[in-house]
């Protein structure tokens, strides 16, 4: 993965996280608790994807400066 791809993955996973947050709130207020757990799990997974892409980008960035 190059640096641009890392940023695209970070942006997309954070966008997924925002959507999942909205859907989680809507499911919670709609008393659809099975979907709350599903949407929360997807949001947590997208956070880990964003973190992995960030650390990959950071490794590429600092490797280039040396």
C-alpha atoms as a PDB file:
ATOM      1  CA  UNK A   1       0.000   0.000   0.000  1.00  0.00           C
ATOM      2  CA  UNK A   2       1.351   3.393  -0.866  1.00  0.00           C
ATOM      3  CA  UNK A   3       0.661   6.575   1.075  1.00  0.00           C
ATOM      4  CA  UNK A   4      -2.279   7.717  -1.045  1.00  0.00           C
ATOM      5  CA  UNK A   5      -3.975   4.358  -0.692  1.00  0.00           C
ATOM      6  CA  UNK A   6      -3.518   4.542   3.067  1.00  0.00           C
ATOM      7  CA  UNK A   7      -5.266   7.909   3.178  1.00  0.00           C
ATOM      8  CA  UNK A   8      -8.110   6.641   1.001  1.00  0.00           C
ATOM      9  CA  UNK A   9      -8.593   3.642   3.297  1.00  0.00           C
ATOM     10  CA  UNK A  10      -8.503   5.891   6.377  1.00  0.00           C
ATOM     11  CA  UNK A  11     -11.059   8.283   4.892  1.00  0.00           C
ATOM     12  CA  UNK A  12     -13.412   5.518   3.763  1.00  0.00           C
ATOM     13  CA  UNK A  13     -13.255   3.650   7.045  1.00  0.00           C
ATOM     14  CA  UNK A  14     -13.991   6.829   8.998  1.00  0.00           C
ATOM     15  CA  UNK A  15     -16.906   7.537   6.662  1.00  0.00           C
ATOM     16  CA  UNK A  16     -18.229   4.032   7.354  1.00  0.00           C
ATOM     17  CA  UNK A  17     -17.800   4.715  11.050  1.00  0.00           C
ATOM     18  CA  UNK A  18     -19.913   7.887  10.861  1.00  0.00           C
ATOM     19  CA  UNK A  19     -22.659   6.065   8.962  1.00  0.00           C
ATOM     20  CA  UNK A  20     -22.625   3.200  11.450  1.00  0.00           C
ATOM     21  CA  UNK A  21     -22.900   5.656  14.330  1.00  0.00           C
ATOM     22  CA  UNK A  22     -25.973   7.210  12.754  1.00  0.00           C
ATOM     23  CA  UNK A  23     -27.544   3.823  12.071  1.00  0.00           C
ATOM     24  CA  UNK A  24     -26.746   2.671  15.621  1.00  0.00           C
ATOM     25  CA  UNK A  25     -28.536   5.662  17.123  1.00  0.00           C
ATOM     26  CA  UNK A  26     -31.526   5.158  14.839  1.00  0.00           C
ATOM     27  CA  UNK A  27     -31.689   1.439  15.685  1.00  0.00           C
ATOM     28  CA  UNK A  28     -31.382   2.162  19.405  1.00  0.00           C
ATOM     29  CA  UNK A  29     -34.248   4.630  19.406  1.00  0.00           C
ATOM     30  CA  UNK A  30     -36.248   2.262  17.204  1.00  0.00           C
ATOM     31  CA  UNK A  31     -35.727  -0.504  19.807  1.00  0.00           C
ATOM     32  CA  UNK A  32     -34.001  -2.770  17.264  1.00  0.00           C
ATOM     33  CA  UNK A  33     -31.284  -3.990  19.601  1.00  0.00           C
ATOM     34  CA  UNK A  34     -29.951  -6.759  17.349  1.00  0.00           C
ATOM     35  CA  UNK A  35     -29.003  -4.149  14.775  1.00  0.00           C
ATOM     36  CA  UNK A  36     -27.413  -1.938  17.436  1.00  0.00           C
ATOM     37  CA  UNK A  37     -24.891  -4.669  18.204  1.00  0.00           C
ATOM     38  CA  UNK A  38     -24.253  -5.341  14.528  1.00  0.00           C
ATOM     39  CA  UNK A  39     -23.708  -1.685  13.649  1.00  0.00           C
ATOM     40  CA  UNK A  40     -21.493  -1.171  16.687  1.00  0.00           C
ATOM     41  CA  UNK A  41     -19.362  -4.166  15.711  1.00  0.00           C
ATOM     42  CA  UNK A  42     -18.975  -2.835  12.165  1.00  0.00           C
ATOM     43  CA  UNK A  43     -17.999   0.590  13.537  1.00  0.00           C
ATOM     44  CA  UNK A  44     -15.366  -0.967  15.810  1.00  0.00           C
ATOM     45  CA  UNK A  45     -13.982  -2.964  12.899  1.00  0.00           C
ATOM     46  CA  UNK A  46     -13.739   0.178  10.771  1.00  0.00           C
ATOM     47  CA  UNK A  47     -11.808   1.898  13.562  1.00  0.00           C
ATOM     48  CA  UNK A  48      -9.269  -0.936  13.582  1.00  0.00           C
ATOM     49  CA  UNK A  49      -8.959  -0.735   9.788  1.00  0.00           C
ATOM     50  CA  UNK A  50      -8.343   3.021  10.016  1.00  0.00           C
ATOM     51  CA  UNK A  51      -5.724   2.511  12.726  1.00  0.00           C
ATOM     52  CA  UNK A  52      -3.954  -0.183  10.725  1.00  0.00           C
ATOM     53  CA  UNK A  53      -3.881   2.046   7.639  1.00  0.00           C
ATOM     54  CA  UNK A  54      -2.633   4.977   9.714  1.00  0.00           C
ATOM     55  CA  UNK A  55       0.224   2.966  11.194  1.00  0.00           C
ATOM     56  CA  UNK A  56       1.100   1.673   7.724  1.00  0.00           C
ATOM     57  CA  UNK A  57       1.144   5.255   6.391  1.00  0.00           C
ATOM     58  CA  UNK A  58       3.241   6.392   9.334  1.00  0.00           C
ATOM     59  CA  UNK A  59       5.759   3.627   8.705  1.00  0.00           C
ATOM     60  CA  UNK A  60       5.997   4.585   5.021  1.00  0.00           C
ATOM     61  CA  UNK A  61       6.305   8.299   5.831  1.00  0.00           C
ATOM     62  CA  UNK A  62       9.113   7.969   8.336  1.00  0.00           C
ATOM     63  CA  UNK A  63      10.930   5.315   6.329  1.00  0.00           C
ATOM     64  CA  UNK A  64      11.083   7.783   3.430  1.00  0.00           C
ATOM     65  CA  UNK A  65      12.670  10.503   5.566  1.00  0.00           C
ATOM     66  CA  UNK A  66      15.584   8.356   6.719  1.00  0.00           C
END
